[in-house]
PDB file of all heavy atoms in Angstrom:
ATOM      1  N   LYS A   1     117.880 117.204 107.038  1.00  0.00           N
ATOM      2  CA  LYS A   1     119.072 117.339 107.897  1.00  0.00           C
ATOM      3  C   LYS A   1     120.092 116.236 107.631  1.00  0.00           C
ATOM      4  O   LYS A   1     121.244 116.357 108.021  1.00  0.00           O
ATOM      5  CB  LYS A   1     118.664 117.295 109.382  1.00  0.00           C
ATOM      6  CG  LYS A   1     117.587 118.299 109.764  1.00  0.00           C
ATOM      7  CD  LYS A   1     118.055 119.720 109.555  1.00  0.00           C
ATOM      8  CE  LYS A   1     116.927 120.701 109.896  1.00  0.00           C
ATOM      9  NZ  LYS A   1     117.294 122.077 109.539  1.00  0.00           N
ATOM     10  N   GLY A   2     119.653 115.137 107.005  1.00  0.00           N
ATOM     11  CA  GLY A   2     120.560 113.996 106.854  1.00  0.00           C
ATOM     12  C   GLY A   2     121.023 113.749 105.433  1.00  0.00           C
ATOM     13  O   GLY A   2     121.632 112.716 105.161  1.00  0.00           O
ATOM     14  N   ILE A   3     120.704 114.673 104.505  1.00  0.00           N
ATOM     15  CA  ILE A   3     121.083 114.441 103.114  1.00  0.00           C
ATOM     16  C   ILE A   3     121.921 115.600 102.585  1.00  0.00           C
ATOM     17  O   ILE A   3     122.066 116.625 103.241  1.00  0.00           O
ATOM     18  CB  ILE A   3     119.831 114.250 102.221  1.00  0.00           C
ATOM     19  CG1 ILE A   3     118.976 115.524 102.197  1.00  0.00           C
ATOM     20  CG2 ILE A   3     119.014 113.067 102.692  1.00  0.00           C
ATOM     21  CD1 ILE A   3     117.790 115.451 101.248  1.00  0.00           C
ATOM     22  N   GLY A   4     122.462 115.404 101.391  1.00  0.00           N
ATOM     23  CA  GLY A   4     123.254 116.459 100.759  1.00  0.00           C
ATOM     24  C   GLY A   4     124.721 116.104 100.691  1.00  0.00           C
ATOM     25  O   GLY A   4     125.148 115.001 101.042  1.00  0.00           O
ATOM     26  N   LYS A   5     125.515 117.044 100.231  1.00  0.00           N
ATOM     27  CA  LYS A   5     126.951 116.829 100.045  1.00  0.00           C
ATOM     28  C   LYS A   5     127.618 116.467 101.367  1.00  0.00           C
ATOM     29  O   LYS A   5     127.378 117.091 102.391  1.00  0.00           O
ATOM     30  CB  LYS A   5     127.580 118.111  99.480  1.00  0.00           C
ATOM     31  CG  LYS A   5     128.961 117.909  98.918  1.00  0.00           C
ATOM     32  CD  LYS A   5     129.417 119.139  98.158  1.00  0.00           C
ATOM     33  CE  LYS A   5     130.784 118.894  97.523  1.00  0.00           C
ATOM     34  NZ  LYS A   5     131.229 120.063  96.752  1.00  0.00           N
ATOM     35  N   GLY A   6     128.460 115.429 101.335  1.00  0.00           N
ATOM     36  CA  GLY A   6     129.152 115.003 102.540  1.00  0.00           C
ATOM     37  C   GLY A   6     128.358 114.020 103.383  1.00  0.00           C
ATOM     38  O   GLY A   6     128.902 113.391 104.290  1.00  0.00           O
ATOM     39  N   LYS A   7     127.056 113.896 103.098  1.00  0.00           N
ATOM     40  CA  LYS A   7     126.212 112.956 103.852  1.00  0.00           C
ATOM     41  C   LYS A   7     125.682 111.866 102.918  1.00  0.00           C
ATOM     42  O   LYS A   7     125.851 110.686 103.188  1.00  0.00           O
ATOM     43  CB  LYS A   7     125.059 113.704 104.524  1.00  0.00           C
ATOM     44  CG  LYS A   7     125.539 114.651 105.626  1.00  0.00           C
ATOM     45  CD  LYS A   7     124.404 115.406 106.270  1.00  0.00           C
ATOM     46  CE  LYS A   7     124.933 116.321 107.371  1.00  0.00           C
ATOM     47  NZ  LYS A   7     123.872 117.130 107.986  1.00  0.00           N
ATOM     48  N   THR A   8     125.007 112.283 101.851  1.00  0.00           N
ATOM     49  CA  THR A   8     124.589 111.311 100.828  1.00  0.00           C
ATOM     50  C   THR A   8     125.210 111.749  99.498  1.00  0.00           C
ATOM     51  O   THR A   8     126.280 111.309  99.144  1.00  0.00           O
ATOM     52  CB  THR A   8     123.053 111.239 100.735  1.00  0.00           C
ATOM     53  OG1 THR A   8     122.515 112.553 100.557  1.00  0.00           O
ATOM     54  CG2 THR A   8     122.460 110.629 101.996  1.00  0.00           C
ATOM     55  N   ARG A   9     124.550 112.693  98.791  1.00  0.00           N
ATOM     56  CA  ARG A   9     125.127 113.233  97.568  1.00  0.00           C
ATOM     57  C   ARG A   9     124.471 114.585  97.294  1.00  0.00           C
ATOM     58  O   ARG A   9     123.344 114.829  97.711  1.00  0.00           O
ATOM     59  CB  ARG A   9     124.903 112.263  96.394  1.00  0.00           C
ATOM     60  CG  ARG A   9     125.955 112.407  95.286  1.00  0.00           C
ATOM     61  CD  ARG A   9     125.894 111.255  94.298  1.00  0.00           C
ATOM     62  NE  ARG A   9     124.721 111.304  93.429  1.00  0.00           N
ATOM     63  CZ  ARG A   9     124.429 110.362  92.541  1.00  0.00           C
ATOM     64  NH1 ARG A   9     125.209 109.289  92.420  1.00  0.00           N
ATOM     65  NH2 ARG A   9     123.348 110.462  91.771  1.00  0.00           N
ATOM     66  N   GLU A  10     125.181 115.446  96.586  1.00  0.00           N
ATOM     67  CA  GLU A  10     124.743 116.829  96.405  1.00  0.00           C
ATOM     68  C   GLU A  10     123.378 116.946  95.731  1.00  0.00           C
ATOM     69  O   GLU A  10     122.607 117.874  95.995  1.00  0.00           O
ATOM     70  CB  GLU A  10     125.782 117.586  95.567  1.00  0.00           C
ATOM     71  CG  GLU A  10     126.028 116.946  94.194  1.00  0.00           C
ATOM     72  CD  GLU A  10     127.143 117.605  93.395  1.00  0.00           C
ATOM     73  OE1 GLU A  10     127.718 118.578  93.887  1.00  0.00           O
ATOM     74  OE2 GLU A  10     127.403 117.130  92.268  1.00  0.00           O
ATOM     75  N   ASP A  11     123.048 115.993  94.848  1.00  0.00           N
ATOM     76  CA  ASP A  11     121.802 116.074  94.078  1.00  0.00           C
ATOM     77  C   ASP A  11     120.601 115.463  94.808  1.00  0.00           C
ATOM     78  O   ASP A  11     119.485 115.459  94.268  1.00  0.00           O
ATOM     79  CB  ASP A  11     121.978 115.364  92.733  1.00  0.00           C
ATOM     80  CG  ASP A  11     122.374 113.895  92.924  1.00  0.00           C
ATOM     81  OD1 ASP A  11     123.303 113.647  93.715  1.00  0.00           O
ATOM     82  OD2 ASP A  11     121.768 113.013  92.290  1.00  0.00           O
ATOM     83  N   HIS A  12     120.799 114.968  96.020  1.00  0.00           N
ATOM     84  CA  HIS A  12     119.757 114.197  96.700  1.00  0.00           C
ATOM     85  C   HIS A  12     118.478 115.013  96.908  1.00  0.00           C
ATOM     86  O   HIS A  12     117.374 114.567  96.574  1.00  0.00           O
ATOM     87  CB  HIS A  12     120.281 113.675  98.043  1.00  0.00           C
ATOM     88  CG  HIS A  12     119.411 112.645  98.684  1.00  0.00           C
ATOM     89  ND1 HIS A  12     119.858 111.729  99.599  1.00  0.00           N
ATOM     90  CD2 HIS A  12     118.079 112.378  98.552  1.00  0.00           C
ATOM     91  CE1 HIS A  12     118.873 110.945  99.984  1.00  0.00           C
ATOM     92  NE2 HIS A  12     117.771 111.332  99.368  1.00  0.00           N
ATOM     93  N   ALA A  13     118.590 116.211  97.459  1.00  0.00           N
ATOM     94  CA  ALA A  13     117.396 117.011  97.778  1.00  0.00           C
ATOM     95  C   ALA A  13     116.602 117.351  96.519  1.00  0.00           C
ATOM     96  O   ALA A  13     115.362 117.236  96.498  1.00  0.00           O
ATOM     97  CB  ALA A  13     117.800 118.281  98.513  1.00  0.00           C
ATOM     98  N   ASP A  14     117.296 117.747  95.460  1.00  0.00           N
ATOM     99  CA  ASP A  14     116.598 118.127  94.225  1.00  0.00           C
ATOM    100  C   ASP A  14     115.872 116.937  93.597  1.00  0.00           C
ATOM    101  O   ASP A  14     114.709 117.041  93.193  1.00  0.00           O
ATOM    102  CB  ASP A  14     117.593 118.701  93.210  1.00  0.00           C
ATOM    103  CG  ASP A  14     118.060 120.107  93.585  1.00  0.00           C
ATOM    104  OD1 ASP A  14     117.893 120.478  94.764  1.00  0.00           O
ATOM    105  OD2 ASP A  14     118.576 120.830  92.720  1.00  0.00           O
ATOM    106  N   THR A  15     116.564 115.805  93.514  1.00  0.00           N
ATOM    107  CA  THR A  15     115.925 114.632  92.886  1.00  0.00           C
ATOM    108  C   THR A  15     114.766 114.118  93.740  1.00  0.00           C
ATOM    109  O   THR A  15     113.741 113.689  93.198  1.00  0.00           O
ATOM    110  CB  THR A  15     116.939 113.486  92.663  1.00  0.00           C
ATOM    111  OG1 THR A  15     117.591 113.188  93.895  1.00  0.00           O
ATOM    112  CG2 THR A  15     117.962 113.846  91.620  1.00  0.00           C
ATOM    113  N   MET A  16     114.915 114.195  95.060  1.00  0.00           N
ATOM    114  CA  MET A  16     113.833 113.770  95.955  1.00  0.00           C
ATOM    115  C   MET A  16     112.568 114.597  95.685  1.00  0.00           C
ATOM    116  O   MET A  16     111.473 114.042  95.511  1.00  0.00           O
ATOM    117  CB  MET A  16     114.280 113.951  97.409  1.00  0.00           C
ATOM    118  CG  MET A  16     113.215 113.686  98.450  1.00  0.00           C
ATOM    119  SD  MET A  16     113.908 113.874 100.115  1.00  0.00           S
ATOM    120  CE  MET A  16     114.231 115.635 100.116  1.00  0.00           C
ATOM    121  N   ASN A  17     112.718 115.917  95.616  1.00  0.00           N
ATOM    122  CA  ASN A  17     111.560 116.781  95.369  1.00  0.00           C
ATOM    123  C   ASN A  17     110.952 116.516  93.992  1.00  0.00           C
ATOM    124  O   ASN A  17     109.725 116.504  93.829  1.00  0.00           O
ATOM    125  CB  ASN A  17     111.976 118.255  95.476  1.00  0.00           C
ATOM    126  CG  ASN A  17     112.371 118.632  96.890  1.00  0.00           C
ATOM    127  OD1 ASN A  17     111.903 118.021  97.849  1.00  0.00           O
ATOM    128  ND2 ASN A  17     113.235 119.627  97.037  1.00  0.00           N
ATOM    129  N   GLN A  18     111.814 116.289  92.990  1.00  0.00           N
ATOM    130  CA  GLN A  18     111.319 116.063  91.635  1.00  0.00           C
ATOM    131  C   GLN A  18     110.592 114.721  91.525  1.00  0.00           C
ATOM    132  O   GLN A  18     109.550 114.613  90.866  1.00  0.00           O
ATOM    133  CB  GLN A  18     112.481 116.111  90.633  1.00  0.00           C
ATOM    134  CG  GLN A  18     112.040 116.007  89.174  1.00  0.00           C
ATOM    135  CD  GLN A  18     111.147 117.159  88.766  1.00  0.00           C
ATOM    136  OE1 GLN A  18     111.589 118.301  88.711  1.00  0.00           O
ATOM    137  NE2 GLN A  18     109.879 116.880  88.488  1.00  0.00           N
ATOM    138  N   ILE A  19     111.132 113.698  92.182  1.00  0.00           N
ATOM    139  CA  ILE A  19     110.494 112.376  92.142  1.00  0.00           C
ATOM    140  C   ILE A  19     109.127 112.429  92.824  1.00  0.00           C
ATOM    141  O   ILE A  19     108.141 111.887  92.302  1.00  0.00           O
ATOM    142  CB  ILE A  19     111.410 111.308  92.784  1.00  0.00           C
ATOM    143  CG1 ILE A  19     112.595 111.006  91.848  1.00  0.00           C
ATOM    144  CG2 ILE A  19     110.636 110.028  93.082  1.00  0.00           C
ATOM    145  CD1 ILE A  19     113.684 110.156  92.481  1.00  0.00           C
ATOM    146  N   TYR A  20     109.049 113.084  93.981  1.00  0.00           N
ATOM    147  CA  TYR A  20     107.757 113.259  94.648  1.00  0.00           C
ATOM    148  C   TYR A  20     106.746 113.916  93.710  1.00  0.00           C
ATOM    149  O   TYR A  20     105.628 113.431  93.523  1.00  0.00           O
ATOM    150  CB  TYR A  20     107.916 114.150  95.886  1.00  0.00           C
ATOM    151  CG  TYR A  20     107.994 113.406  97.190  1.00  0.00           C
ATOM    152  CD1 TYR A  20     109.090 113.549  98.028  1.00  0.00           C
ATOM    153  CD2 TYR A  20     106.950 112.573  97.603  1.00  0.00           C
ATOM    154  CE1 TYR A  20     109.163 112.872  99.237  1.00  0.00           C
ATOM    155  CE2 TYR A  20     107.021 111.904  98.803  1.00  0.00           C
ATOM    156  CZ  TYR A  20     108.122 112.054  99.623  1.00  0.00           C
ATOM    157  OH  TYR A  20     108.186 111.383 100.818  1.00  0.00           O
ATOM    158  N   ALA A  21     107.149 115.054  93.129  1.00  0.00           N
ATOM    159  CA  ALA A  21     106.247 115.808  92.257  1.00  0.00           C
ATOM    160  C   ALA A  21     105.858 114.979  91.029  1.00  0.00           C
ATOM    161  O   ALA A  21     104.680 114.947  90.637  1.00  0.00           O
ATOM    162  CB  ALA A  21     106.918 117.114  91.829  1.00  0.00           C
ATOM    163  N   GLY A  22     106.842 114.296  90.430  1.00  0.00           N
ATOM    164  CA  GLY A  22     106.580 113.495  89.236  1.00  0.00           C
ATOM    165  C   GLY A  22     105.652 112.328  89.528  1.00  0.00           C
ATOM    166  O   GLY A  22     104.749 112.023  88.734  1.00  0.00           O
ATOM    167  N   TYR A  23     105.842 111.683  90.670  1.00  0.00           N
ATOM    168  CA  TYR A  23     105.011 110.532  91.030  1.00  0.00           C
ATOM    169  C   TYR A  23     103.576 110.974  91.301  1.00  0.00           C
ATOM    170  O   TYR A  23     102.617 110.335  90.848  1.00  0.00           O
ATOM    171  CB  TYR A  23     105.608 109.837  92.255  1.00  0.00           C
ATOM    172  CG  TYR A  23     104.919 108.548  92.636  1.00  0.00           C
ATOM    173  CD1 TYR A  23     104.772 107.513  91.720  1.00  0.00           C
ATOM    174  CD2 TYR A  23     104.410 108.357  93.918  1.00  0.00           C
ATOM    175  CE1 TYR A  23     104.149 106.324  92.063  1.00  0.00           C
ATOM    176  CE2 TYR A  23     103.785 107.171  94.281  1.00  0.00           C
ATOM    177  CZ  TYR A  23     103.659 106.156  93.346  1.00  0.00           C
ATOM    178  OH  TYR A  23     103.037 104.977  93.691  1.00  0.00           O
ATOM    179  N   ALA A  24     103.415 112.101  92.012  1.00  0.00           N
ATOM    180  CA  ALA A  24     102.075 112.628  92.294  1.00  0.00           C
ATOM    181  C   ALA A  24     101.365 112.998  90.988  1.00  0.00           C
ATOM    182  O   ALA A  24     100.194 112.655  90.782  1.00  0.00           O
ATOM    183  CB  ALA A  24     102.173 113.841  93.223  1.00  0.00           C
ATOM    184  N   SER A  25     102.100 113.675  90.087  1.00  0.00           N
ATOM    185  CA  SER A  25     101.509 114.054  88.790  1.00  0.00           C
ATOM    186  C   SER A  25     101.151 112.818  87.971  1.00  0.00           C
ATOM    187  O   SER A  25     100.106 112.770  87.315  1.00  0.00           O
ATOM    188  CB  SER A  25     102.489 114.921  87.999  1.00  0.00           C
ATOM    189  OG  SER A  25     102.783 116.109  88.687  1.00  0.00           O
ATOM    190  N   GLY A  26     102.016 111.810  88.016  1.00  0.00           N
ATOM    191  CA  GLY A  26     101.773 110.574  87.256  1.00  0.00           C
ATOM    192  C   GLY A  26     100.556 109.825  87.751  1.00  0.00           C
ATOM    193  O   GLY A  26      99.765 109.294  86.954  1.00  0.00           O
ATOM    194  N   ARG A  27     100.363 109.758  89.078  1.00  0.00           N
ATOM    195  CA  ARG A  27      99.180 109.078  89.617  1.00  0.00           C
ATOM    196  C   ARG A  27      97.900 109.824  89.230  1.00  0.00           C
ATOM    197  O   ARG A  27      96.883 109.209  88.908  1.00  0.00           O
ATOM    198  CB  ARG A  27      99.296 108.950  91.142  1.00  0.00           C
ATOM    199  CG  ARG A  27     100.292 107.868  91.580  1.00  0.00           C
ATOM    200  CD  ARG A  27     100.357 107.768  93.090  1.00  0.00           C
ATOM    201  NE  ARG A  27      99.112 107.258  93.641  1.00  0.00           N
ATOM    202  CZ  ARG A  27      98.854 105.960  93.860  1.00  0.00           C
ATOM    203  NH1 ARG A  27      99.763 105.051  93.534  1.00  0.00           N
ATOM    204  NH2 ARG A  27      97.719 105.587  94.397  1.00  0.00           N
ATOM    205  N   GLU A  28      97.972 111.152  89.275  1.00  0.00           N
ATOM    206  CA  GLU A  28      96.812 111.956  88.858  1.00  0.00           C
ATOM    207  C   GLU A  28      96.487 111.703  87.381  1.00  0.00           C
ATOM    208  O   GLU A  28      95.311 111.569  87.002  1.00  0.00           O
ATOM    209  CB  GLU A  28      97.094 113.444  89.084  1.00  0.00           C
ATOM    210  CG  GLU A  28      97.037 113.875  90.532  1.00  0.00           C
ATOM    211  CD  GLU A  28      97.453 115.321  90.718  1.00  0.00           C
ATOM    212  OE1 GLU A  28      97.540 116.060  89.714  1.00  0.00           O
ATOM    213  OE2 GLU A  28      97.708 115.712  91.868  1.00  0.00           O
ATOM    214  N   ALA A  29      97.540 111.662  86.555  1.00  0.00           N
ATOM    215  CA  ALA A  29      97.334 111.435  85.118  1.00  0.00           C
ATOM    216  C   ALA A  29      96.723 110.053  84.866  1.00  0.00           C
ATOM    217  O   ALA A  29      95.837 109.893  84.015  1.00  0.00           O
ATOM    218  CB  ALA A  29      98.663 111.575  84.377  1.00  0.00           C
ATOM    219  N   ARG A  30      97.169 109.045  85.627  1.00  0.00           N
ATOM    220  CA  ARG A  30      96.621 107.694  85.479  1.00  0.00           C
ATOM    221  C   ARG A  30      95.143 107.653  85.862  1.00  0.00           C
ATOM    222  O   ARG A  30      94.334 107.007  85.201  1.00  0.00           O
ATOM    223  CB  ARG A  30      97.415 106.711  86.347  1.00  0.00           C
ATOM    224  CG  ARG A  30      98.665 106.237  85.631  1.00  0.00           C
ATOM    225  CD  ARG A  30      99.617 105.361  86.386  1.00  0.00           C
ATOM    226  NE  ARG A  30      99.218 104.750  87.620  1.00  0.00           N
ATOM    227  CZ  ARG A  30     100.093 104.241  88.493  1.00  0.00           C
ATOM    228  NH1 ARG A  30     101.399 104.312  88.244  1.00  0.00           N
ATOM    229  NH2 ARG A  30      99.702 103.684  89.593  1.00  0.00           N
ATOM    230  N   GLU A  31      94.777 108.364  86.931  1.00  0.00           N
ATOM    231  CA  GLU A  31      93.377 108.410  87.354  1.00  0.00           C
ATOM    232  C   GLU A  31      92.527 109.133  86.308  1.00  0.00           C
ATOM    233  O   GLU A  31      91.390 108.730  86.034  1.00  0.00           O
ATOM    234  CB  GLU A  31      93.270 109.122  88.706  1.00  0.00           C
ATOM    235  CG  GLU A  31      93.809 108.283  89.857  1.00  0.00           C
ATOM    236  CD  GLU A  31      94.016 109.085  91.131  1.00  0.00           C
ATOM    237  OE1 GLU A  31      93.576 110.262  91.169  1.00  0.00           O
ATOM    238  OE2 GLU A  31      94.628 108.551  92.073  1.00  0.00           O
ATOM    239  N   LEU A  32      93.100 110.192  85.723  1.00  0.00           N
ATOM    240  CA  LEU A  32      92.385 110.943  84.687  1.00  0.00           C
ATOM    241  C   LEU A  32      92.144 110.070  83.452  1.00  0.00           C
ATOM    242  O   LEU A  32      91.067 110.105  82.848  1.00  0.00           O
ATOM    243  CB  LEU A  32      93.206 112.188  84.304  1.00  0.00           C
ATOM    244  CG  LEU A  32      92.499 113.277  83.500  1.00  0.00           C
ATOM    245  CD1 LEU A  32      91.333 113.857  84.284  1.00  0.00           C
ATOM    246  CD2 LEU A  32      93.498 114.374  83.142  1.00  0.00           C
ATOM    247  N   ALA A  33      93.154 109.267  83.112  1.00  0.00           N
ATOM    248  CA  ALA A  33      93.041 108.402  81.937  1.00  0.00           C
ATOM    249  C   ALA A  33      91.952 107.349  82.129  1.00  0.00           C
ATOM    250  O   ALA A  33      91.280 106.952  81.175  1.00  0.00           O
ATOM    251  CB  ALA A  33      94.383 107.729  81.661  1.00  0.00           C
ATOM    252  N   VAL A  34      91.781 106.877  83.364  1.00  0.00           N
ATOM    253  CA  VAL A  34      90.737 105.884  83.651  1.00  0.00           C
ATOM    254  C   VAL A  34      89.356 106.482  83.371  1.00  0.00           C
ATOM    255  O   VAL A  34      88.450 105.815  82.854  1.00  0.00           O
ATOM    256  CB  VAL A  34      90.839 105.403  85.120  1.00  0.00           C
ATOM    257  CG1 VAL A  34      89.615 104.574  85.504  1.00  0.00           C
ATOM    258  CG2 VAL A  34      92.110 104.599  85.327  1.00  0.00           C
ATOM    259  N   ILE A  35      89.191 107.774  83.689  1.00  0.00           N
ATOM    260  CA  ILE A  35      87.877 108.424  83.531  1.00  0.00           C
ATOM    261  C   ILE A  35      87.653 108.892  82.086  1.00  0.00           C
ATOM    262  O   ILE A  35      86.602 108.658  81.495  1.00  0.00           O
ATOM    263  CB  ILE A  35      87.768 109.635  84.496  1.00  0.00           C
ATOM    264  CG1 ILE A  35      87.915 109.158  85.947  1.00  0.00           C
ATOM    265  CG2 ILE A  35      86.439 110.358  84.314  1.00  0.00           C
ATOM    266  CD1 ILE A  35      88.162 110.262  86.941  1.00  0.00           C
TER     267      ILE A  35
END
């Protein structure tokens, strides 16, 4: 409700979702590499 064009920036929602997904995938990959 507080992000997007006119509030933060138009790309905010998309980058937020991508960063979440990328960080989760990266942590999983790091754990896999340990094993």
